[in-house]
Amino acid sequence: MTGDKARSRQRGGQGRRRLSVDERREELIEAALQLFSTRSPEDVSIDDVAAAAGASRALVYHYFGGKYELYIAALGSAASKLSVLLEPPTEGKPLDRLRVSLQRYFDFVESHAAGYLALLRGGPADRSGEVGEIVDGIRQLLLDRILHSLAVDVPEPTLRITLRAWMAAVETAGLDWLENRDVARADLERLLVDHLVVMLHVAGRHDPGTGALFDRLANEELTPPEPTSR
């Protein structure tokens, strides 16, 4: 009986693919993100992460040193993946480029739900220190991408506040969509673009510069594309 168990463990060990250092580290991060997406870091232990990843407690400590270091690495990994997806489109009208960026954003929301939830829900309430820097960095990156799509270099205060308010709405919509999924993703993306247009229209009543931006966007949307030469 003992020999059978030993042979069984040997076959199991041979069947398990040997992971590289980077692959094992990524596996631990993914397990941590899954846990951090539903529970606060204070409620997640190193043992929880090790069990979820099928690894030993010692291995987690070997790669990350402690739970806080693991949490920072997990959030940093999620932020890096999102930043790659948010590379700005180079072609199309401003709102078309914004639609592409929003689609890529929701690609991340859907494909990396655990990372998205961990970024927005986990961590200290005041988002101080390294955690705050990671989350704020992503939000600043998103703001920069939006401004790039709208062909704006430096926003006036009214425009900046309007865009940040819209970004908060996008984050809330992403969380709600992951929780309920009772609206088609494409419909939600169109709704959010329309939200921004309406917000810019209203903000334009309070700030001439934002009003000029809204008029420019409206004119460009109504302008038919240039015919392609054959």
Foldseek 3Di string as FASTA:
>chain_A
DVVVVVVVVVVVVVPDDDDDPVRLLVLLLLLVLQVLLVDALVPDALVSSCVSSVHDSVVVCVVQVGSVSSLLVSLLVLLVVLLVLQPFDDDDALLVRVLSNLVSNVVSCVVVVSNLSNLPPYDDPVCDDSSVCSNVVSLVSNVVNNCVSLVHDDDDPLVSVLVSVLVVVSSVVSVVCVVPVPDPPSVVSVVSSVVSLVSLCVSCVVPVVSVVSSVVSVVRVPDDDDDDDD
